[in-house]
Amino acid sequence: MGIKSEDERIQPALHSLLLGDAEGLQAALIADPPVVTLKVEGNTLLEWTTQPGVAPPSPQVVDVLIGAGAELNRALNLAGCWNLPDLCEQLLAAGADPVARADADITPLESAAMHSSIEAADVLVTAGLHRHSLWLAAACGLLDKVKRWVSADGALLDDPGIHRPNWVDVGRPAGKPPTVEPEEILGEAFVFAALNDRRTVVDYLLGAGVHIDVRPYRNTTALHFAIQFGRLEMVRRLLERGASTALVDDIYSSDAAGWAQACDDGSERAATIRELVGAT
């Protein structure tokens, strides 16, 4: 992988890191301890272990970086984003702050929820929700908490919290400012439950009267998001419950078939999703 740094001091440690060589990494950091805080293309050595295209780090490599004094909090946020549950667990155990906010004003758990990083979210949520948010509880599959917010007949029982999801935080186009309309609040919870494959929460909210084609963000449905994140069983579930494949979003101007074609990664799962939504 071609990673360049203007500071050549970092190269021995970076080389060992990319090879997964814990002993070589430790030797490089002993020889030049401040290297652990240097950045390559915006990331420290520990943060590089989270990046796509870099092999998931061994616990030994991460231990070396932690022992050398690496800053943990941004790495935890990135590990949540890129669905690295083992790294999340190791960083939390080492003292990473589960509510620290990195590049965007969101917590590691919120980042995991917005990226459909389910396994990472399951680790991060063991440290708590931290922010009183219905959408986040739904995204994490916390049905008991969702029921404290939403009655079986669809009434909001509690304030959904001030920390509403903002897709701009994860690089998507801005939507309309959030409102306090119950339909929108419940729609957010439903969409995030669906894109994170939280089936019991999806079933509960549908039973409570949430419309299956609710579109709280730029006309993007739960089905669109389930397709994007390759959640095959959720796609099946939504279609069985009557989700429309014809609705067109305001981001890509595509229906469900268009999303399935655009998100086809060549896997059997993606092929099945395409078949289900009628994508040719």
C-alpha atoms as a PDB file:
ATOM      1  CA  MET A   1       0.000   0.000   0.000  1.00  0.00           C
ATOM      2  CA  GLY A   2       1.496   3.358  -1.011  1.00  0.00           C
ATOM      3  CA  ILE A   3       1.530   5.483   2.129  1.00  0.00           C
ATOM      4  CA  LYS A   4       3.779   8.506   1.969  1.00  0.00           C
ATOM      5  CA  SER A   5       5.035  10.757   4.726  1.00  0.00           C
ATOM      6  CA  GLU A   6       7.085  13.926   4.558  1.00  0.00           C
ATOM      7  CA  ASP A   7       8.695  12.884   7.818  1.00  0.00           C
ATOM      8  CA  GLU A   8      11.053   9.997   7.059  1.00  0.00           C
ATOM      9  CA  ARG A   9      11.408   9.293  10.767  1.00  0.00           C
ATOM     10  CA  ILE A  10       8.146   7.394  10.726  1.00  0.00           C
ATOM     11  CA  GLN A  11       9.079   5.026   7.905  1.00  0.00           C
ATOM     12  CA  PRO A  12      10.672   2.171   9.958  1.00  0.00           C
ATOM     13  CA  ALA A  13       7.712   2.050  12.344  1.00  0.00           C
ATOM     14  CA  LEU A  14       5.205   2.375   9.508  1.00  0.00           C
ATOM     15  CA  HIS A  15       6.902  -0.405   7.559  1.00  0.00           C
ATOM     16  CA  SER A  16       6.738  -2.753  10.552  1.00  0.00           C
ATOM     17  CA  LEU A  17       3.123  -1.776  11.204  1.00  0.00           C
ATOM     18  CA  LEU A  18       2.026  -2.609   7.677  1.00  0.00           C
ATOM     19  CA  LEU A  19       3.827  -5.950   7.872  1.00  0.00           C
ATOM     20  CA  GLY A  20       2.192  -6.769  11.203  1.00  0.00           C
ATOM     21  CA  ASP A  21       5.660  -7.032  12.770  1.00  0.00           C
ATOM     22  CA  ALA A  22       5.103  -6.218  16.446  1.00  0.00           C
ATOM     23  CA  GLU A  23       8.757  -6.733  17.399  1.00  0.00           C
ATOM     24  CA  GLY A  24      10.023  -4.508  14.607  1.00  0.00           C
ATOM     25  CA  LEU A  25       7.449  -1.861  15.486  1.00  0.00           C
ATOM     26  CA  GLN A  26       8.473  -1.921  19.120  1.00  0.00           C
ATOM     27  CA  ALA A  27      12.137  -1.573  18.200  1.00  0.00           C
ATOM     28  CA  ALA A  28      11.376   1.413  15.964  1.00  0.00           C
ATOM     29  CA  LEU A  29       9.393   3.130  18.704  1.00  0.00           C
ATOM     30  CA  ILE A  30      12.045   2.480  21.328  1.00  0.00           C
ATOM     31  CA  ALA A  31      14.616   4.035  18.995  1.00  0.00           C
ATOM     32  CA  ASP A  32      12.438   7.125  18.399  1.00  0.00           C
ATOM     33  CA  PRO A  33       9.509   7.352  20.867  1.00  0.00           C
ATOM     34  CA  PRO A  34       7.894  10.560  19.499  1.00  0.00           C
ATOM     35  CA  VAL A  35       7.173   8.746  16.232  1.00  0.00           C
ATOM     36  CA  VAL A  36       4.042   7.309  17.873  1.00  0.00           C
ATOM     37  CA  THR A  37       2.424  10.763  17.686  1.00  0.00           C
ATOM     38  CA  LEU A  38       3.466  11.608  14.114  1.00  0.00           C
ATOM     39  CA  LYS A  39       0.832  11.544  11.396  1.00  0.00           C
ATOM     40  CA  VAL A  40       0.893  10.085   7.918  1.00  0.00           C
ATOM     41  CA  GLU A  41      -1.769  11.532   5.617  1.00  0.00           C
ATOM     42  CA  GLY A  42      -3.678  12.694   8.676  1.00  0.00           C
ATOM     43  CA  ASN A  43      -3.438   9.489  10.715  1.00  0.00           C
ATOM     44  CA  THR A  44      -1.161   8.344  13.504  1.00  0.00           C
ATOM     45  CA  LEU A  45       0.234   4.825  13.401  1.00  0.00           C
ATOM     46  CA  LEU A  46      -2.596   3.543  15.593  1.00  0.00           C
ATOM     47  CA  GLU A  47      -5.188   5.303  13.466  1.00  0.00           C
ATOM     48  CA  TRP A  48      -3.690   3.730  10.339  1.00  0.00           C
ATOM     49  CA  THR A  49      -4.540   0.291  11.712  1.00  0.00           C
ATOM     50  CA  THR A  50      -8.214   1.148  11.186  1.00  0.00           C
ATOM     51  CA  GLN A  51      -8.020   2.146   7.546  1.00  0.00           C
ATOM     52  CA  PRO A  52      -9.512   0.248   4.593  1.00  0.00           C
ATOM     53  CA  GLY A  53      -6.820  -1.589   2.700  1.00  0.00           C
ATOM     54  CA  VAL A  54      -4.714  -2.133   5.807  1.00  0.00           C
ATOM     55  CA  ALA A  55      -4.931  -5.625   7.296  1.00  0.00           C
ATOM     56  CA  PRO A  56      -6.705  -5.625  10.666  1.00  0.00           C
ATOM     57  CA  PRO A  57      -4.016  -5.272  13.331  1.00  0.00           C
ATOM     58  CA  SER A  58      -3.004  -8.072  15.642  1.00  0.00           C
ATOM     59  CA  PRO A  59      -3.539  -7.481  19.365  1.00  0.00           C
ATOM     60  CA  GLN A  60       0.238  -7.555  19.749  1.00  0.00           C
ATOM     61  CA  VAL A  61       0.730  -4.661  17.319  1.00  0.00           C
ATOM     62  CA  VAL A  62      -1.965  -2.645  19.060  1.00  0.00           C
ATOM     63  CA  ASP A  63      -0.436  -3.396  22.462  1.00  0.00           C
ATOM     64  CA  VAL A  64       2.900  -2.051  21.246  1.00  0.00           C
ATOM     65  CA  LEU A  65       1.268   1.192  20.124  1.00  0.00           C
ATOM     66  CA  ILE A  66      -0.731   1.541  23.328  1.00  0.00           C
ATOM     67  CA  GLY A  67       2.353   0.882  25.396  1.00  0.00           C
ATOM     68  CA  ALA A  68       4.231   3.545  23.457  1.00  0.00           C
ATOM     69  CA  GLY A  69       1.635   6.147  24.407  1.00  0.00           C
ATOM     70  CA  ALA A  70      -0.550   6.293  21.297  1.00  0.00           C
ATOM     71  CA  GLU A  71      -3.597   8.536  21.527  1.00  0.00           C
ATOM     72  CA  LEU A  72      -6.599   6.216  21.679  1.00  0.00           C
ATOM     73  CA  ASN A  73      -9.744   8.234  21.207  1.00  0.00           C
ATOM     74  CA  ARG A  74      -9.716   9.047  17.495  1.00  0.00           C
ATOM     75  CA  ALA A  75      -8.631   5.485  16.780  1.00  0.00           C
ATOM     76  CA  LEU A  76     -11.701   4.239  18.657  1.00  0.00           C
ATOM     77  CA  ASN A  77     -13.971   6.441  16.582  1.00  0.00           C
ATOM     78  CA  LEU A  78     -12.377   5.137  13.382  1.00  0.00           C
ATOM     79  CA  ALA A  79     -12.570   1.538  14.585  1.00  0.00           C
ATOM     80  CA  GLY A  80     -16.290   2.046  15.143  1.00  0.00           C
ATOM     81  CA  CYS A  81     -16.694   3.532  11.684  1.00  0.00           C
ATOM     82  CA  TRP A  82     -14.832   0.718   9.906  1.00  0.00           C
ATOM     83  CA  ASN A  83     -16.390  -2.081  11.950  1.00  0.00           C
ATOM     84  CA  LEU A  84     -13.373  -3.399  13.832  1.00  0.00           C
ATOM     85  CA  PRO A  85     -14.979  -4.901  16.945  1.00  0.00           C
ATOM     86  CA  ASP A  86     -11.830  -6.546  18.318  1.00  0.00           C
ATOM     87  CA  LEU A  87      -9.935  -3.277  18.095  1.00  0.00           C
ATOM     88  CA  CYS A  88     -12.830  -1.440  19.741  1.00  0.00           C
ATOM     89  CA  GLU A  89     -12.740  -3.886  22.614  1.00  0.00           C
ATOM     90  CA  GLN A  90      -8.973  -3.580  23.020  1.00  0.00           C
ATOM     91  CA  LEU A  91      -9.029   0.224  22.929  1.00  0.00           C
ATOM     92  CA  LEU A  92     -11.874   0.455  25.435  1.00  0.00           C
ATOM     93  CA  ALA A  93      -9.997  -1.876  27.770  1.00  0.00           C
ATOM     94  CA  ALA A  94      -6.934   0.370  27.426  1.00  0.00           C
ATOM     95  CA  GLY A  95      -8.908   3.430  28.482  1.00  0.00           C
ATOM     96  CA  ALA A  96     -10.214   4.979  25.260  1.00  0.00           C
ATOM     97  CA  ASP A  97     -13.088   7.358  25.953  1.00  0.00           C
ATOM     98  CA  PRO A  98     -16.310   5.907  24.486  1.00  0.00           C
ATOM     99  CA  VAL A  99     -17.849   9.378  24.191  1.00  0.00           C
ATOM    100  CA  ALA A 100     -14.870  11.210  22.703  1.00  0.00           C
ATOM    101  CA  ARG A 101     -15.676  12.885  19.387  1.00  0.00           C
ATOM    102  CA  ALA A 102     -13.110  12.953  16.613  1.00  0.00           C
ATOM    103  CA  ASP A 103     -13.437  14.487  13.148  1.00  0.00           C
ATOM    104  CA  ALA A 104     -17.191  14.984  13.357  1.00  0.00           C
ATOM    105  CA  ASP A 105     -19.216  15.795  16.443  1.00  0.00           C
ATOM    106  CA  ILE A 106     -20.309  12.195  16.912  1.00  0.00           C
ATOM    107  CA  THR A 107     -19.309   9.454  19.312  1.00  0.00           C
ATOM    108  CA  PRO A 108     -17.718   6.160  18.222  1.00  0.00           C
ATOM    109  CA  LEU A 109     -21.065   4.419  18.738  1.00  0.00           C
ATOM    110  CA  GLU A 110     -22.895   6.981  16.623  1.00  0.00           C
ATOM    111  CA  SER A 111     -20.277   6.577  13.903  1.00  0.00           C
ATOM    112  CA  ALA A 112     -20.737   2.798  13.959  1.00  0.00           C
ATOM    113  CA  ALA A 113     -24.517   3.179  13.782  1.00  0.00           C
ATOM    114  CA  MET A 114     -24.350   5.555  10.826  1.00  0.00           C
ATOM    115  CA  HIS A 115     -22.032   3.207   8.921  1.00  0.00           C
ATOM    116  CA  SER A 116     -23.980   0.009   9.681  1.00  0.00           C
ATOM    117  CA  SER A 117     -20.951  -1.301  11.549  1.00  0.00           C
ATOM    118  CA  ILE A 118     -23.026  -3.715  13.571  1.00  0.00           C
ATOM    119  CA  GLU A 119     -20.351  -5.805  15.255  1.00  0.00           C
ATOM    120  CA  ALA A 120     -18.414  -2.724  16.363  1.00  0.00           C
ATOM    121  CA  ALA A 121     -21.617  -1.148  17.665  1.00  0.00           C
ATOM    122  CA  ASP A 122     -22.361  -4.280  19.688  1.00  0.00           C
ATOM    123  CA  VAL A 123     -19.005  -3.823  21.442  1.00  0.00           C
ATOM    124  CA  LEU A 124     -19.261  -0.061  21.867  1.00  0.00           C
ATOM    125  CA  VAL A 125     -22.772  -0.133  23.293  1.00  0.00           C
ATOM    126  CA  THR A 126     -21.535  -2.203  26.239  1.00  0.00           C
ATOM    127  CA  ALA A 127     -20.065   1.096  27.479  1.00  0.00           C
ATOM    128  CA  GLY A 128     -23.541   2.677  27.267  1.00  0.00           C
ATOM    129  CA  LEU A 129     -25.489   4.880  24.867  1.00  0.00           C
ATOM    130  CA  HIS A 130     -24.110   7.982  26.610  1.00  0.00           C
ATOM    131  CA  ARG A 131     -26.363  10.279  24.627  1.00  0.00           C
ATOM    132  CA  HIS A 132     -30.110  10.062  25.230  1.00  0.00           C
ATOM    133  CA  SER A 133     -31.216   9.268  21.673  1.00  0.00           C
ATOM    134  CA  LEU A 134     -34.097   7.167  20.390  1.00  0.00           C
ATOM    135  CA  TRP A 135     -32.538   6.721  16.944  1.00  0.00           C
ATOM    136  CA  LEU A 136     -29.333   5.390  18.478  1.00  0.00           C
ATOM    137  CA  ALA A 137     -31.155   2.939  20.725  1.00  0.00           C
ATOM    138  CA  ALA A 138     -33.020   1.680  17.656  1.00  0.00           C
ATOM    139  CA  ALA A 139     -29.806   1.452  15.626  1.00  0.00           C
ATOM    140  CA  CYS A 140     -28.241  -0.664  18.377  1.00  0.00           C
ATOM    141  CA  GLY A 141     -31.216  -3.018  18.595  1.00  0.00           C
ATOM    142  CA  LEU A 142     -32.062  -2.043  22.180  1.00  0.00           C
ATOM    143  CA  LEU A 143     -35.728  -2.977  22.024  1.00  0.00           C
ATOM    144  CA  ASP A 144     -36.370  -2.498  25.745  1.00  0.00           C
ATOM    145  CA  LYS A 145     -35.115   1.076  25.525  1.00  0.00           C
ATOM    146  CA  VAL A 146     -37.063   1.714  22.333  1.00  0.00           C
ATOM    147  CA  LYS A 147     -40.231   0.589  24.126  1.00  0.00           C
ATOM    148  CA  ARG A 148     -39.608   3.201  26.807  1.00  0.00           C
ATOM    149  CA  TRP A 149     -39.646   5.841  24.099  1.00  0.00           C
ATOM    150  CA  VAL A 150     -42.365   4.452  21.842  1.00  0.00           C
ATOM    151  CA  SER A 151     -45.620   2.847  22.957  1.00  0.00           C
ATOM    152  CA  ALA A 152     -47.095  -0.149  21.174  1.00  0.00           C
ATOM    153  CA  ASP A 153     -49.602   2.192  19.494  1.00  0.00           C
ATOM    154  CA  GLY A 154     -46.910   4.559  18.238  1.00  0.00           C
ATOM    155  CA  ALA A 155     -47.079   7.334  20.823  1.00  0.00           C
ATOM    156  CA  LEU A 156     -43.837   9.006  21.876  1.00  0.00           C
ATOM    157  CA  LEU A 157     -43.457   8.457  25.608  1.00  0.00           C
ATOM    158  CA  ASP A 158     -40.272  10.462  26.134  1.00  0.00           C
ATOM    159  CA  ASP A 159     -38.158  13.188  24.552  1.00  0.00           C
ATOM    160  CA  PRO A 160     -36.153  11.524  21.747  1.00  0.00           C
ATOM    161  CA  GLY A 161     -33.081  13.534  22.717  1.00  0.00           C
ATOM    162  CA  ILE A 162     -31.334  16.540  21.226  1.00  0.00           C
ATOM    163  CA  HIS A 163     -28.642  14.515  19.453  1.00  0.00           C
ATOM    164  CA  ARG A 164     -30.436  13.797  16.209  1.00  0.00           C
ATOM    165  CA  PRO A 165     -28.555  12.056  13.383  1.00  0.00           C
ATOM    166  CA  ASN A 166     -26.923  14.363  10.864  1.00  0.00           C
ATOM    167  CA  TRP A 167     -25.773  12.575   7.716  1.00  0.00           C
ATOM    168  CA  VAL A 168     -23.378  15.418   6.928  1.00  0.00           C
ATOM    169  CA  ASP A 169     -21.225  14.108   9.793  1.00  0.00           C
ATOM    170  CA  VAL A 170     -20.392  11.035   7.721  1.00  0.00           C
ATOM    171  CA  GLY A 171     -19.987  12.759   4.383  1.00  0.00           C
ATOM    172  CA  ARG A 172     -23.479  12.620   2.924  1.00  0.00           C
ATOM    173  CA  PRO A 173     -25.402  15.579   1.502  1.00  0.00           C
ATOM    174  CA  ALA A 174     -27.307  17.726   3.958  1.00  0.00           C
ATOM    175  CA  GLY A 175     -30.981  17.023   4.467  1.00  0.00           C
ATOM    176  CA  LYS A 176     -33.648  19.292   5.843  1.00  0.00           C
ATOM    177  CA  PRO A 177     -33.175  20.433   9.447  1.00  0.00           C
ATOM    178  CA  PRO A 178     -34.795  17.938  11.834  1.00  0.00           C
ATOM    179  CA  THR A 179     -38.235  18.710  13.162  1.00  0.00           C
ATOM    180  CA  VAL A 180     -40.024  17.619  16.320  1.00  0.00           C
ATOM    181  CA  GLU A 181     -42.765  15.908  14.335  1.00  0.00           C
ATOM    182  CA  PRO A 182     -43.384  12.426  15.831  1.00  0.00           C
ATOM    183  CA  GLU A 183     -43.638  10.870  12.367  1.00  0.00           C
ATOM    184  CA  GLU A 184     -40.142  12.072  11.498  1.00  0.00           C
ATOM    185  CA  ILE A 185     -38.675  11.039  14.846  1.00  0.00           C
ATOM    186  CA  LEU A 186     -40.142   7.549  14.593  1.00  0.00           C
ATOM    187  CA  GLY A 187     -39.062   7.369  10.947  1.00  0.00           C
ATOM    188  CA  GLU A 188     -35.470   8.073  11.926  1.00  0.00           C
ATOM    189  CA  ALA A 189     -35.560   5.271  14.466  1.00  0.00           C
ATOM    190  CA  PHE A 190     -37.075   2.888  11.929  1.00  0.00           C
ATOM    191  CA  VAL A 191     -34.579   3.660   9.169  1.00  0.00           C
ATOM    192  CA  PHE A 192     -31.599   3.269  11.493  1.00  0.00           C
ATOM    193  CA  ALA A 193     -32.943   0.018  12.898  1.00  0.00           C
ATOM    194  CA  ALA A 194     -33.323  -1.294   9.351  1.00  0.00           C
ATOM    195  CA  LEU A 195     -29.915  -0.275   8.032  1.00  0.00           C
ATOM    196  CA  ASN A 196     -28.345  -1.904  11.109  1.00  0.00           C
ATOM    197  CA  ASP A 197     -30.366  -5.115  10.626  1.00  0.00           C
ATOM    198  CA  ARG A 198     -32.129  -4.763  13.990  1.00  0.00           C
ATOM    199  CA  ARG A 199     -35.081  -6.934  13.114  1.00  0.00           C
ATOM    200  CA  THR A 200     -36.936  -6.980  16.424  1.00  0.00           C
ATOM    201  CA  VAL A 201     -36.911  -3.177  16.555  1.00  0.00           C
ATOM    202  CA  VAL A 202     -38.085  -2.943  12.941  1.00  0.00           C
ATOM    203  CA  ASP A 203     -40.943  -5.337  13.666  1.00  0.00           C
ATOM    204  CA  TYR A 204     -41.913  -3.436  16.806  1.00  0.00           C
ATOM    205  CA  LEU A 205     -41.971  -0.048  15.085  1.00  0.00           C
ATOM    206  CA  LEU A 206     -43.970  -1.398  12.164  1.00  0.00           C
ATOM    207  CA  GLY A 207     -46.420  -2.864  14.647  1.00  0.00           C
ATOM    208  CA  ALA A 208     -46.586   0.528  16.346  1.00  0.00           C
ATOM    209  CA  GLY A 209     -47.720   2.090  13.081  1.00  0.00           C
ATOM    210  CA  VAL A 210     -44.548   3.419  11.474  1.00  0.00           C
ATOM    211  CA  HIS A 211     -44.991   3.424   7.702  1.00  0.00           C
ATOM    212  CA  ILE A 212     -42.583   1.045   5.994  1.00  0.00           C
ATOM    213  CA  ASP A 213     -41.732   3.623   3.321  1.00  0.00           C
ATOM    214  CA  VAL A 214     -41.087   6.498   5.701  1.00  0.00           C
ATOM    215  CA  ARG A 215     -38.376   8.801   4.321  1.00  0.00           C
ATOM    216  CA  PRO A 216     -36.954  11.172   6.937  1.00  0.00           C
ATOM    217  CA  TYR A 217     -33.758  11.881   4.965  1.00  0.00           C
ATOM    218  CA  ARG A 218     -33.868  13.048   1.343  1.00  0.00           C
ATOM    219  CA  ASN A 219     -36.572  10.583   0.334  1.00  0.00           C
ATOM    220  CA  THR A 220     -34.282   7.670   1.191  1.00  0.00           C
ATOM    221  CA  THR A 221     -36.194   4.642   2.452  1.00  0.00           C
ATOM    222  CA  ALA A 222     -35.178   1.908   4.849  1.00  0.00           C
ATOM    223  CA  LEU A 223     -35.089  -0.425   1.842  1.00  0.00           C
ATOM    224  CA  HIS A 224     -32.597   1.825   0.038  1.00  0.00           C
ATOM    225  CA  PHE A 225     -30.291   1.803   3.051  1.00  0.00           C
ATOM    226  CA  ALA A 226     -30.648  -1.941   3.635  1.00  0.00           C
ATOM    227  CA  ILE A 227     -29.634  -2.497   0.010  1.00  0.00           C
ATOM    228  CA  GLN A 228     -26.659  -0.171   0.286  1.00  0.00           C
ATOM    229  CA  PHE A 229     -25.269  -1.938   3.347  1.00  0.00           C
ATOM    230  CA  GLY A 230     -25.942  -5.416   1.984  1.00  0.00           C
ATOM    231  CA  ARG A 231     -28.429  -6.395   4.683  1.00  0.00           C
ATOM    232  CA  LEU A 232     -30.008  -9.257   2.755  1.00  0.00           C
ATOM    233  CA  GLU A 233     -32.334 -10.529   5.465  1.00  0.00           C
ATOM    234  CA  MET A 234     -33.569  -7.012   6.159  1.00  0.00           C
ATOM    235  CA  VAL A 235     -34.219  -6.493   2.447  1.00  0.00           C
ATOM    236  CA  ARG A 236     -36.280  -9.703   2.460  1.00  0.00           C
ATOM    237  CA  ARG A 237     -38.145  -8.605   5.584  1.00  0.00           C
ATOM    238  CA  LEU A 238     -38.993  -5.167   4.233  1.00  0.00           C
ATOM    239  CA  LEU A 239     -40.178  -6.530   0.912  1.00  0.00           C
ATOM    240  CA  GLU A 240     -42.315  -9.150   2.641  1.00  0.00           C
ATOM    241  CA  ARG A 241     -43.913  -6.357   4.670  1.00  0.00           C
ATOM    242  CA  GLY A 242     -44.721  -4.367   1.536  1.00  0.00           C
ATOM    243  CA  ALA A 243     -41.835  -1.941   1.063  1.00  0.00           C
ATOM    244  CA  SER A 244     -41.987  -0.151  -2.273  1.00  0.00           C
ATOM    245  CA  THR A 245     -39.239  -0.804  -4.802  1.00  0.00           C
ATOM    246  CA  ALA A 246     -40.407   2.098  -6.996  1.00  0.00           C
ATOM    247  CA  LEU A 247     -39.668   5.072  -4.749  1.00  0.00           C
ATOM    248  CA  VAL A 248     -36.820   7.301  -5.906  1.00  0.00           C
ATOM    249  CA  ASP A 249     -34.468   9.040  -3.483  1.00  0.00           C
ATOM    250  CA  ASP A 250     -33.227  12.628  -3.683  1.00  0.00           C
ATOM    251  CA  ILE A 251     -29.515  11.786  -3.491  1.00  0.00           C
ATOM    252  CA  TYR A 252     -28.917   9.427  -6.405  1.00  0.00           C
ATOM    253  CA  SER A 253     -32.346   9.691  -8.057  1.00  0.00           C
ATOM    254  CA  SER A 254     -32.625   5.903  -8.043  1.00  0.00           C
ATOM    255  CA  ASP A 255     -35.226   3.332  -7.153  1.00  0.00           C
ATOM    256  CA  ALA A 256     -34.429   0.121  -5.290  1.00  0.00           C
ATOM    257  CA  ALA A 257     -33.162  -1.585  -8.451  1.00  0.00           C
ATOM    258  CA  GLY A 258     -30.815   1.302  -9.139  1.00  0.00           C
ATOM    259  CA  TRP A 259     -29.439   1.135  -5.614  1.00  0.00           C
ATOM    260  CA  ALA A 260     -28.937  -2.622  -5.946  1.00  0.00           C
ATOM    261  CA  GLN A 261     -27.024  -2.185  -9.196  1.00  0.00           C
ATOM    262  CA  ALA A 262     -24.854   0.605  -7.796  1.00  0.00           C
ATOM    263  CA  CYS A 263     -24.075  -1.325  -4.607  1.00  0.00           C
ATOM    264  CA  ASP A 264     -23.337  -4.673  -6.255  1.00  0.00           C
ATOM    265  CA  ASP A 265     -19.939  -5.791  -4.933  1.00  0.00           C
ATOM    266  CA  GLY A 266     -19.937  -9.041  -6.884  1.00  0.00           C
ATOM    267  CA  SER A 267     -20.972 -11.160  -3.913  1.00  0.00           C
ATOM    268  CA  GLU A 268     -23.686 -13.795  -3.858  1.00  0.00           C
ATOM    269  CA  ARG A 269     -25.504 -11.664  -1.305  1.00  0.00           C
ATOM    270  CA  ALA A 270     -25.559  -8.681  -3.656  1.00  0.00           C
ATOM    271  CA  ALA A 271     -26.764 -10.872  -6.517  1.00  0.00           C
ATOM    272  CA  THR A 272     -29.645 -12.096  -4.375  1.00  0.00           C
ATOM    273  CA  ILE A 273     -30.576  -8.556  -3.422  1.00  0.00           C
ATOM    274  CA  ARG A 274     -30.599  -7.563  -7.075  1.00  0.00           C
ATOM    275  CA  GLU A 275     -32.914 -10.452  -7.868  1.00  0.00           C
ATOM    276  CA  LEU A 276     -35.241  -9.575  -4.994  1.00  0.00           C
ATOM    277  CA  VAL A 277     -35.723  -5.990  -6.112  1.00  0.00           C
ATOM    278  CA  GLY A 278     -35.879  -6.766  -9.834  1.00  0.00           C
ATOM    279  CA  ALA A 279     -32.547  -5.272 -10.861  1.00  0.00           C
ATOM    280  CA  THR A 280     -31.352  -6.554 -14.223  1.00  0.00           C
END
